[in-house]
N, C-alpha and C. Protein backbone atom coordinates (compact mmCIF):
# COMPACT_ATOMS: atom_id res chain seq x y z
N UNK A 1 -34.94 -103.50 50.52
CA UNK A 1 -33.53 -103.42 50.26
C UNK A 1 -33.35 -103.31 48.58
N UNK A 2 -32.78 -102.48 48.55
CA UNK A 2 -31.97 -101.93 47.38
C UNK A 2 -32.02 -102.53 46.02
N UNK A 3 -31.63 -103.80 45.80
CA UNK A 3 -31.66 -104.58 44.80
C UNK A 3 -30.70 -104.34 43.89
N UNK A 4 -30.45 -105.11 43.06
CA UNK A 4 -29.23 -104.86 41.58
C UNK A 4 -29.93 -105.29 40.62
N UNK A 5 -28.86 -104.17 39.97
CA UNK A 5 -29.37 -104.44 38.39
C UNK A 5 -28.87 -105.64 37.46
N UNK A 6 -29.75 -106.52 37.07
CA UNK A 6 -29.26 -107.88 36.45
C UNK A 6 -28.63 -107.51 35.42
N UNK A 7 -27.88 -106.76 34.59
CA UNK A 7 -27.18 -106.52 33.41
C UNK A 7 -25.66 -106.27 34.65
N UNK A 8 -26.05 -105.49 34.75
CA UNK A 8 -24.56 -105.07 35.45
C UNK A 8 -23.98 -105.08 36.52
N UNK A 9 -25.42 -105.70 37.82
CA UNK A 9 -24.48 -106.23 38.65
C UNK A 9 -24.42 -104.72 39.65
N UNK A 10 -25.23 -103.69 39.58
CA UNK A 10 -24.72 -102.69 40.56
C UNK A 10 -25.68 -102.23 40.89
N UNK A 11 -25.68 -101.67 42.36
CA UNK A 11 -26.98 -101.38 43.14
C UNK A 11 -27.80 -100.30 42.36
N UNK A 12 -29.18 -100.75 42.83
CA UNK A 12 -30.11 -99.45 41.97
C UNK A 12 -29.99 -97.87 43.46
N UNK A 13 -29.58 -97.88 44.33
CA UNK A 13 -29.91 -97.09 45.41
C UNK A 13 -28.61 -96.88 46.44
N UNK A 14 -28.72 -96.10 47.08
CA UNK A 14 -27.17 -95.89 48.01
C UNK A 14 -27.48 -96.89 49.13
N UNK A 15 -26.50 -96.97 49.52
CA UNK A 15 -26.30 -98.13 51.04
C UNK A 15 -27.30 -97.23 51.82
N UNK A 16 -27.68 -98.31 53.04
CA UNK A 16 -28.38 -97.68 54.63
C UNK A 16 -26.77 -96.61 54.73
N UNK A 17 -26.01 -97.44 54.54
CA UNK A 17 -24.98 -96.23 55.11
C UNK A 17 -24.38 -94.81 55.02
N UNK A 18 -24.26 -94.92 53.44
CA UNK A 18 -24.54 -94.12 52.67
C UNK A 18 -25.57 -92.71 52.85
N UNK A 19 -26.98 -93.26 53.19
CA UNK A 19 -27.87 -92.85 53.27
C UNK A 19 -28.19 -91.92 54.68
N UNK A 20 -27.49 -93.01 55.93
CA UNK A 20 -27.22 -92.01 57.16
C UNK A 20 -26.34 -91.03 56.89
N UNK A 21 -25.07 -91.51 56.44
CA UNK A 21 -23.78 -90.07 56.33
C UNK A 21 -24.88 -88.82 55.46
N UNK A 22 -25.04 -88.88 54.80
CA UNK A 22 -26.20 -88.08 54.35
C UNK A 22 -27.22 -87.52 54.76
N UNK A 23 -28.01 -87.70 55.81
CA UNK A 23 -28.54 -87.28 57.00
C UNK A 23 -28.14 -86.74 57.74
N UNK A 24 -26.88 -87.25 57.89
CA UNK A 24 -26.56 -86.82 59.31
C UNK A 24 -24.96 -85.94 58.57
N UNK A 25 -25.27 -85.03 57.55
CA UNK A 25 -24.77 -84.31 56.88
C UNK A 25 -25.56 -83.19 56.65
N UNK A 26 -26.70 -83.59 56.20
CA UNK A 26 -27.87 -82.27 56.57
C UNK A 26 -28.15 -81.89 57.70
N UNK A 27 -28.20 -82.87 58.96
CA UNK A 27 -28.64 -82.74 60.18
C UNK A 27 -27.22 -81.35 60.95
N UNK A 28 -26.23 -81.75 60.47
CA UNK A 28 -25.35 -80.37 60.85
C UNK A 28 -25.05 -78.68 59.99
N UNK A 29 -25.61 -79.48 58.83
CA UNK A 29 -26.23 -78.10 58.01
C UNK A 29 -27.10 -77.54 58.84
N UNK A 30 -27.87 -78.38 59.00
CA UNK A 30 -29.57 -77.45 60.27
C UNK A 30 -28.94 -76.94 61.70
N UNK A 31 -28.35 -77.58 61.94
CA UNK A 31 -27.34 -77.25 63.08
C UNK A 31 -26.53 -75.76 63.41
N UNK A 32 -25.91 -75.89 61.94
CA UNK A 32 -25.29 -74.77 61.90
C UNK A 32 -26.22 -73.30 61.08
N UNK A 33 -27.56 -74.14 60.67
CA UNK A 33 -28.09 -72.75 60.18
C UNK A 33 -28.46 -71.96 61.96
N UNK A 34 -29.12 -72.65 62.30
CA UNK A 34 -30.11 -72.60 63.60
C UNK A 34 -28.97 -71.60 64.50
N UNK A 35 -27.66 -71.81 64.40
CA UNK A 35 -26.43 -71.08 65.11
C UNK A 35 -26.30 -69.76 64.47
N UNK A 36 -26.71 -69.64 63.21
CA UNK A 36 -26.19 -68.37 62.57
C UNK A 36 -26.95 -67.04 63.24
N UNK A 37 -26.16 -66.29 63.10
CA UNK A 37 -26.96 -64.71 63.90
C UNK A 37 -28.29 -64.08 62.63
N UNK A 38 -29.30 -63.93 63.04
CA UNK A 38 -30.33 -63.32 61.92
C UNK A 38 -29.80 -62.92 60.73
N UNK A 39 -29.08 -61.98 60.82
CA UNK A 39 -28.75 -60.92 59.77
C UNK A 39 -27.67 -61.97 58.76
N UNK A 40 -27.17 -62.42 59.04
CA UNK A 40 -26.08 -63.58 57.95
C UNK A 40 -27.15 -64.85 57.42
N UNK A 41 -28.02 -65.26 58.59
CA UNK A 41 -29.12 -66.05 58.00
C UNK A 41 -30.07 -65.22 56.92
N UNK A 42 -30.38 -64.30 56.86
CA UNK A 42 -31.01 -63.58 55.78
C UNK A 42 -30.58 -63.30 54.84
N UNK A 43 -29.08 -63.57 54.60
CA UNK A 43 -27.99 -62.90 53.07
C UNK A 43 -28.31 -64.80 52.79
N UNK A 44 -28.48 -65.89 52.72
CA UNK A 44 -28.94 -67.01 52.71
C UNK A 44 -29.52 -67.38 51.57
N UNK A 45 -29.28 -67.97 50.92
CA UNK A 45 -30.50 -68.61 49.62
C UNK A 45 -31.20 -69.77 50.27
N UNK A 46 -32.00 -69.33 51.22
CA UNK A 46 -32.72 -70.54 51.62
C UNK A 46 -34.25 -70.31 50.74
N UNK A 47 -34.91 -71.51 51.01
CA UNK A 47 -36.09 -71.25 50.39
C UNK A 47 -37.27 -70.74 51.44
N UNK A 48 -37.66 -70.23 51.59
CA UNK A 48 -38.97 -69.51 52.67
C UNK A 48 -39.50 -70.29 53.06
N UNK A 49 -40.24 -71.92 52.91
CA UNK A 49 -40.62 -72.58 53.67
C UNK A 49 -39.91 -72.90 54.86
N UNK A 50 -38.38 -72.99 54.88
CA UNK A 50 -37.42 -73.04 55.72
C UNK A 50 -37.61 -72.47 56.90
N UNK A 51 -37.38 -71.42 56.52
CA UNK A 51 -37.19 -69.92 57.06
C UNK A 51 -37.92 -69.81 58.81
N UNK A 52 -39.16 -70.48 58.55
CA UNK A 52 -40.07 -70.51 59.93
C UNK A 52 -39.67 -72.00 60.86
N UNK A 53 -38.93 -72.67 60.28
CA UNK A 53 -39.05 -73.45 61.06
C UNK A 53 -37.28 -73.49 61.69
N UNK A 54 -36.18 -72.88 60.94
CA UNK A 54 -35.40 -72.43 61.38
C UNK A 54 -34.92 -71.15 62.81
N UNK A 55 -36.44 -70.45 62.61
CA UNK A 55 -36.35 -69.40 63.66
C UNK A 55 -36.89 -70.30 65.01
N UNK A 56 -38.22 -71.04 64.31
CA UNK A 56 -38.79 -71.98 65.95
C UNK A 56 -37.47 -72.44 66.39
N UNK A 57 -36.97 -73.46 65.72
CA UNK A 57 -35.52 -74.22 66.15
C UNK A 57 -34.59 -73.18 67.14
N UNK A 58 -34.41 -71.69 66.43
CA UNK A 58 -33.73 -70.85 67.32
C UNK A 58 -34.33 -70.60 68.57
N UNK A 59 -35.73 -70.47 68.89
CA UNK A 59 -36.55 -69.89 70.23
C UNK A 59 -36.35 -70.68 70.68
N UNK A 60 -36.43 -72.07 70.70
CA UNK A 60 -36.31 -73.44 71.72
C UNK A 60 -34.68 -73.60 72.08
N UNK A 61 -35.16 -73.39 73.66
CA UNK A 61 -34.10 -73.56 74.87
C UNK A 61 -34.31 -74.83 75.20
N UNK A 62 -34.59 -75.30 75.18
CA UNK A 62 -34.98 -76.70 76.12
C UNK A 62 -33.58 -78.12 75.30
N UNK A 63 -33.30 -78.68 76.01
CA UNK A 63 -32.07 -79.80 75.28
C UNK A 63 -32.66 -80.77 73.93
N UNK A 64 -33.80 -81.14 74.94
CA UNK A 64 -34.37 -82.42 73.89
C UNK A 64 -35.42 -82.02 72.94
N UNK A 65 -36.26 -81.09 73.31
CA UNK A 65 -37.34 -80.22 72.52
C UNK A 65 -36.49 -79.57 71.32
N UNK A 66 -34.73 -78.62 71.44
CA UNK A 66 -34.10 -78.31 70.43
C UNK A 66 -34.01 -79.32 69.55
N UNK A 67 -33.05 -80.43 70.20
CA UNK A 67 -33.29 -81.85 69.20
C UNK A 67 -34.08 -82.29 68.47
N UNK A 68 -34.90 -82.30 69.07
CA UNK A 68 -36.46 -82.86 67.82
C UNK A 68 -36.41 -81.93 67.02
N UNK A 69 -36.40 -80.67 67.03
CA UNK A 69 -36.71 -79.83 66.61
C UNK A 69 -35.79 -79.35 65.26
N UNK A 70 -34.41 -79.79 65.71
CA UNK A 70 -33.51 -79.94 64.79
C UNK A 70 -33.41 -80.91 63.86
N UNK A 71 -34.26 -81.92 64.53
CA UNK A 71 -34.47 -83.52 63.45
C UNK A 71 -35.38 -83.26 62.70
N UNK A 72 -36.16 -82.35 63.21
CA UNK A 72 -37.38 -82.26 62.54
C UNK A 72 -37.01 -80.89 60.65
N UNK A 73 -35.89 -79.99 61.55
CA UNK A 73 -35.89 -79.02 60.38
C UNK A 73 -34.70 -80.19 59.51
N UNK A 74 -34.23 -81.04 60.44
CA UNK A 74 -33.22 -81.75 58.93
C UNK A 74 -33.96 -82.06 58.11
N UNK A 75 -34.89 -82.90 58.28
CA UNK A 75 -36.07 -83.94 57.38
C UNK A 75 -37.03 -83.18 56.93
N UNK A 76 -36.94 -81.97 57.27
CA UNK A 76 -37.49 -80.52 56.02
C UNK A 76 -36.46 -80.28 54.86
N UNK A 77 -35.07 -80.18 55.54
CA UNK A 77 -34.25 -79.85 54.25
C UNK A 77 -33.80 -81.21 53.81
N UNK A 78 -34.24 -81.90 54.03
CA UNK A 78 -33.63 -83.51 53.08
C UNK A 78 -34.92 -83.61 51.76
N UNK A 79 -35.70 -82.98 52.02
CA UNK A 79 -36.64 -82.86 50.88
C UNK A 79 -36.49 -82.01 49.83
N UNK A 80 -35.36 -81.34 50.49
CA UNK A 80 -34.90 -80.94 48.92
C UNK A 80 -34.19 -80.84 48.05
N UNK A 81 -33.98 -80.42 47.09
CA UNK A 81 -32.91 -81.10 46.34
C UNK A 81 -31.24 -81.06 46.98
N UNK A 82 -30.50 -81.20 46.18
CA UNK A 82 -29.32 -81.40 46.46
C UNK A 82 -29.02 -80.13 45.83
N UNK A 83 -29.32 -79.74 44.96
CA UNK A 83 -28.01 -78.11 44.45
C UNK A 83 -28.59 -77.25 45.71
N UNK A 84 -29.87 -77.31 46.21
CA UNK A 84 -30.35 -76.01 47.09
C UNK A 84 -29.51 -76.39 48.11
N UNK A 85 -29.45 -77.66 48.58
CA UNK A 85 -28.35 -77.51 49.84
C UNK A 85 -26.93 -77.80 49.67
N UNK A 86 -26.46 -77.42 48.44
CA UNK A 86 -25.12 -77.13 47.96
C UNK A 86 -25.16 -76.18 48.16
N UNK A 87 -26.08 -75.02 47.68
CA UNK A 87 -26.13 -73.50 47.39
C UNK A 87 -25.95 -72.91 48.61
N UNK A 88 -26.70 -73.17 49.78
CA UNK A 88 -26.90 -73.21 51.06
C UNK A 88 -25.34 -73.44 51.59
N UNK A 89 -24.67 -74.10 51.27
CA UNK A 89 -23.37 -74.97 51.87
C UNK A 89 -22.43 -73.77 51.27
N UNK A 90 -22.28 -73.66 49.61
CA UNK A 90 -21.40 -72.81 49.51
C UNK A 90 -21.49 -71.29 50.11
N UNK A 91 -23.01 -70.58 50.01
CA UNK A 91 -23.12 -69.75 50.37
C UNK A 91 -22.43 -69.42 51.98
N UNK A 92 -22.06 -70.44 52.76
CA UNK A 92 -21.93 -70.20 54.76
C UNK A 92 -20.38 -70.89 53.93
N UNK A 93 -19.56 -70.97 53.17
CA UNK A 93 -18.19 -71.02 52.63
C UNK A 93 -17.87 -69.72 52.34
N UNK A 94 -18.30 -69.42 51.67
CA UNK A 94 -18.20 -68.11 51.32
C UNK A 94 -18.72 -66.91 52.14
N UNK A 95 -19.71 -67.00 52.86
CA UNK A 95 -19.60 -66.36 53.94
C UNK A 95 -18.52 -66.24 54.79
N UNK A 96 -18.00 -67.10 55.06
CA UNK A 96 -16.75 -67.07 56.27
C UNK A 96 -15.15 -66.21 55.40
N UNK A 97 -15.25 -66.63 53.89
CA UNK A 97 -14.37 -65.94 53.39
C UNK A 97 -14.74 -64.79 53.57
N UNK A 98 -16.12 -63.98 53.18
CA UNK A 98 -15.91 -62.50 52.93
C UNK A 98 -15.88 -61.71 54.05
N UNK A 99 -16.41 -62.62 55.40
CA UNK A 99 -16.14 -62.09 56.73
C UNK A 99 -14.57 -61.53 57.24
N UNK A 100 -14.17 -63.31 56.50
CA UNK A 100 -12.73 -62.57 56.63
C UNK A 100 -11.85 -61.20 55.72
N UNK A 101 -12.41 -61.27 54.41
CA UNK A 101 -11.79 -60.23 53.73
C UNK A 101 -12.67 -58.85 54.58
N UNK A 102 -14.24 -58.83 54.90
CA UNK A 102 -14.57 -57.50 55.47
C UNK A 102 -13.57 -57.16 56.53
N UNK A 103 -13.24 -58.33 57.82
CA UNK A 103 -12.20 -57.91 58.59
C UNK A 103 -11.01 -57.53 58.31
N UNK A 104 -10.47 -58.01 57.07
CA UNK A 104 -9.17 -57.48 57.15
C UNK A 104 -9.04 -55.93 55.95
N UNK A 105 -9.99 -56.06 55.42
CA UNK A 105 -10.42 -54.00 55.04
C UNK A 105 -10.75 -53.24 55.75
N UNK A 106 -11.34 -53.97 57.56
CA UNK A 106 -11.44 -52.72 58.37
C UNK A 106 -10.13 -53.20 59.07
N UNK A 107 -8.75 -53.68 58.98
CA UNK A 107 -7.92 -53.14 59.68
C UNK A 107 -6.56 -52.69 58.83
N UNK A 108 -6.91 -53.10 56.90
CA UNK A 108 -6.64 -51.65 56.43
C UNK A 108 -6.95 -50.03 56.40
N UNK A 109 -8.17 -49.89 56.60
CA UNK A 109 -8.84 -48.48 57.05
C UNK A 109 -8.48 -48.46 58.20
N UNK A 110 -8.46 -48.77 59.65
CA UNK A 110 -7.43 -48.57 60.90
C UNK A 110 -6.17 -47.89 60.49
N UNK A 111 -5.59 -49.27 60.02
CA UNK A 111 -3.94 -48.39 59.60
C UNK A 111 -3.50 -47.30 58.84
N UNK A 112 -4.47 -46.99 58.06
CA UNK A 112 -4.33 -45.68 57.24
C UNK A 112 -5.01 -44.85 57.72
N UNK A 113 -6.00 -44.38 58.48
CA UNK A 113 -6.69 -43.67 59.66
C UNK A 113 -4.92 -43.39 60.64
N UNK A 114 -4.88 -44.39 61.08
CA UNK A 114 -3.52 -43.94 62.14
C UNK A 114 -2.49 -43.31 61.37
N UNK A 115 -1.77 -43.83 60.42
CA UNK A 115 -1.32 -43.29 59.34
C UNK A 115 -1.22 -41.89 59.09
N UNK A 116 -2.72 -41.28 58.72
CA UNK A 116 -3.03 -40.54 58.30
C UNK A 116 -2.69 -39.06 59.64
N UNK A 117 -3.38 -39.71 60.95
CA UNK A 117 -3.25 -39.01 61.42
C UNK A 117 -1.74 -38.67 62.35
N UNK A 118 -1.10 -39.88 62.59
CA UNK A 118 0.64 -39.43 62.71
C UNK A 118 1.44 -38.75 61.79
N UNK A 119 1.41 -39.78 60.60
CA UNK A 119 2.14 -38.82 59.44
C UNK A 119 1.86 -37.76 58.66
N UNK A 120 0.45 -37.67 58.94
CA UNK A 120 0.32 -36.34 58.38
C UNK A 120 -0.07 -36.14 56.47
N UNK A 121 0.87 -35.32 56.47
CA UNK A 121 0.59 -34.86 54.55
C UNK A 121 1.62 -35.82 53.80
N UNK A 122 2.88 -37.07 54.58
CA UNK A 122 3.63 -37.65 53.68
C UNK A 122 2.48 -39.15 53.30
N UNK A 123 1.42 -39.57 54.83
CA UNK A 123 0.74 -40.80 54.76
C UNK A 123 -0.16 -40.05 53.59
N UNK A 124 -0.68 -39.23 53.54
CA UNK A 124 -1.94 -38.19 52.21
C UNK A 124 -1.41 -38.57 51.28
N UNK A 125 -0.46 -38.38 50.76
CA UNK A 125 0.12 -38.27 49.72
C UNK A 125 -0.07 -39.74 49.24
N UNK A 126 0.40 -40.97 49.87
CA UNK A 126 1.16 -41.75 49.97
C UNK A 126 -0.42 -42.54 49.73
N UNK A 127 -1.50 -42.44 50.57
CA UNK A 127 -2.77 -42.80 50.03
C UNK A 127 -2.98 -42.38 48.54
N UNK A 128 -3.17 -40.89 48.36
CA UNK A 128 -3.95 -40.56 46.86
C UNK A 128 -2.69 -41.34 45.92
N UNK A 129 -1.43 -41.97 46.14
CA UNK A 129 -0.90 -42.26 44.89
C UNK A 129 -1.74 -43.71 44.76
N UNK A 130 -1.77 -44.56 45.99
CA UNK A 130 -2.57 -45.46 45.82
C UNK A 130 -3.73 -45.59 45.31
N UNK A 131 -4.82 -44.80 46.52
CA UNK A 131 -5.81 -44.83 45.79
C UNK A 131 -6.36 -42.94 44.75
N UNK A 132 -6.14 -42.95 43.74
CA UNK A 132 -6.41 -41.77 42.90
C UNK A 132 -7.75 -41.22 43.01
N UNK A 133 -8.61 -41.70 43.41
CA UNK A 133 -10.37 -41.61 43.52
C UNK A 133 -10.44 -40.83 44.64
N UNK A 134 -9.41 -40.94 45.79
CA UNK A 134 -10.04 -40.25 47.18
C UNK A 134 -10.27 -38.70 47.01
N UNK A 135 -10.84 -38.49 48.07
CA UNK A 135 -11.20 -37.04 48.14
C UNK A 135 -10.09 -36.43 48.81
N UNK A 136 -9.11 -35.35 48.09
CA UNK A 136 -8.03 -35.14 48.89
C UNK A 136 -8.24 -33.96 50.04
N UNK A 137 -9.13 -33.07 49.72
CA UNK A 137 -9.84 -31.98 50.75
C UNK A 137 -10.69 -32.77 51.89
N UNK A 138 -11.40 -33.46 51.56
CA UNK A 138 -12.34 -33.99 52.92
C UNK A 138 -11.18 -35.20 53.65
N UNK A 139 -10.63 -35.78 52.82
CA UNK A 139 -9.61 -36.83 54.29
C UNK A 139 -8.47 -35.55 54.95
N UNK A 140 -8.09 -34.32 54.25
CA UNK A 140 -6.73 -34.04 54.81
C UNK A 140 -8.00 -33.01 55.97
N UNK A 141 -9.34 -32.49 55.55
CA UNK A 141 -10.03 -32.37 56.99
C UNK A 141 -10.36 -33.01 57.59
N UNK A 142 -10.94 -33.90 57.38
CA UNK A 142 -11.00 -34.89 58.48
C UNK A 142 -9.96 -35.20 59.46
N UNK A 143 -8.92 -35.63 59.26
CA UNK A 143 -7.56 -35.45 59.84
C UNK A 143 -7.44 -34.59 60.68
N UNK A 144 -7.67 -33.50 60.18
CA UNK A 144 -7.22 -32.20 61.09
C UNK A 144 -7.97 -32.27 62.31
N UNK A 145 -9.46 -32.11 61.69
CA UNK A 145 -10.43 -32.31 63.00
C UNK A 145 -10.01 -33.51 63.50
N UNK A 146 -10.29 -34.28 63.72
CA UNK A 146 -10.14 -35.91 64.23
C UNK A 146 -8.61 -35.52 65.44
N UNK A 147 -7.62 -34.80 64.82
CA UNK A 147 -6.20 -34.32 65.34
C UNK A 147 -6.76 -32.92 66.49
N UNK A 148 -7.78 -32.21 65.93
CA UNK A 148 -8.35 -31.19 66.84
C UNK A 148 -8.74 -31.81 68.11
N UNK A 149 -9.91 -33.08 68.11
CA UNK A 149 -10.73 -33.75 68.55
C UNK A 149 -10.12 -34.25 69.52
N UNK A 150 -8.73 -35.28 69.40
CA UNK A 150 -8.17 -35.46 70.39
C UNK A 150 -7.10 -34.72 71.27
N UNK A 151 -7.06 -33.61 70.72
CA UNK A 151 -5.94 -32.62 71.48
C UNK A 151 -6.93 -31.93 72.55
N UNK A 152 -8.21 -31.86 71.90
CA UNK A 152 -9.34 -30.97 72.74
C UNK A 152 -10.24 -32.16 73.66
N UNK A 153 -9.71 -32.71 73.43
CA UNK A 153 -11.05 -34.53 74.59
C UNK A 153 -12.02 -34.49 74.14
N UNK A 154 -12.37 -34.03 72.77
CA UNK A 154 -13.92 -33.87 72.28
C UNK A 154 -14.42 -35.45 72.25
N UNK A 155 -15.50 -35.42 71.89
CA UNK A 155 -15.90 -37.08 71.25
C UNK A 155 -15.37 -37.09 69.58
N UNK A 156 -15.07 -37.94 69.26
CA UNK A 156 -14.92 -38.85 68.53
C UNK A 156 -14.99 -38.73 67.28
N UNK A 157 -16.09 -37.68 66.67
CA UNK A 157 -16.75 -37.69 65.59
C UNK A 157 -16.09 -37.69 64.37
N UNK A 158 -15.20 -36.59 63.70
CA UNK A 158 -14.54 -36.49 62.50
C UNK A 158 -13.75 -38.09 62.68
N UNK A 159 -12.86 -38.59 64.06
CA UNK A 159 -12.16 -39.53 63.89
C UNK A 159 -13.07 -40.88 62.98
N UNK A 160 -14.21 -40.94 63.35
CA UNK A 160 -14.98 -41.90 62.96
C UNK A 160 -15.28 -41.38 61.53
N UNK A 161 -15.27 -40.57 61.24
CA UNK A 161 -16.06 -40.32 59.92
C UNK A 161 -14.90 -40.43 58.64
N UNK A 162 -13.42 -40.13 59.72
CA UNK A 162 -12.41 -40.75 58.76
C UNK A 162 -12.35 -42.22 58.08
N UNK A 163 -12.68 -42.51 59.50
CA UNK A 163 -12.50 -44.50 59.29
C UNK A 163 -13.80 -44.61 58.33
N UNK A 164 -14.70 -43.93 58.30
CA UNK A 164 -15.94 -44.42 57.35
C UNK A 164 -15.55 -44.02 55.81
N UNK A 165 -14.86 -43.10 55.86
CA UNK A 165 -14.63 -42.33 53.99
C UNK A 165 -13.17 -43.43 53.95
N UNK A 166 -12.60 -43.56 54.70
CA UNK A 166 -11.57 -44.48 54.63
C UNK A 166 -11.74 -45.93 53.99
N UNK A 167 -12.78 -46.18 54.70
CA UNK A 167 -13.17 -47.55 54.47
C UNK A 167 -13.60 -48.20 53.03
N UNK A 168 -14.84 -46.82 52.73
CA UNK A 168 -15.42 -46.99 51.53
C UNK A 168 -14.44 -47.00 50.44
N UNK A 169 -13.26 -45.96 50.54
CA UNK A 169 -12.28 -46.03 49.27
C UNK A 169 -11.61 -46.56 49.07
N UNK A 170 -11.40 -47.73 50.26
CA UNK A 170 -10.74 -49.00 50.24
C UNK A 170 -11.15 -49.69 49.84
N UNK A 171 -12.87 -50.21 49.51
CA UNK A 171 -13.85 -51.00 49.54
C UNK A 171 -14.05 -50.35 47.92
N UNK A 172 -14.04 -49.33 47.24
CA UNK A 172 -14.26 -48.96 45.79
C UNK A 172 -13.04 -49.53 45.51
N UNK A 173 -11.89 -50.13 45.73
CA UNK A 173 -10.93 -51.16 44.94
C UNK A 173 -11.29 -52.34 44.41
N UNK A 174 -12.05 -52.83 45.10
CA UNK A 174 -12.27 -54.68 44.88
C UNK A 174 -12.58 -54.39 43.91
């Protein structure tokens, strides 16, 4: 029983329903962590003692055994402070937004690369106006080499280098 404060009449602890809702939230977070790719998981602010449990959950493929391991992982996570769990949730939300921003950056670099190859010096002038720190000579050389590779049906080495340089240039803007 949770009991009441005799003076105020307020309950001393959360109800069983509230405790269950919180436990289910942690279980959902544990499931989300177990399904993340390893690179993204490594960037999260997880306590070190939880990482082996997550790895074990990822390793198990049997449905019932995985469900049992997820419940165990959630139990271990419930022992953590609310601040730790909130930090993990925030990092997951920010990771989603960061992934969207990264994708948008890649698309912008792709558009600039196509413009540089199609329009030539006009697009280069516009790019340099928007990003004065960009290396004019290197951009022009890589665009010229990429066009030459395309004309000769060679592997797209300069094409890729041009993309890398544009991505770095656009990332410096942030």
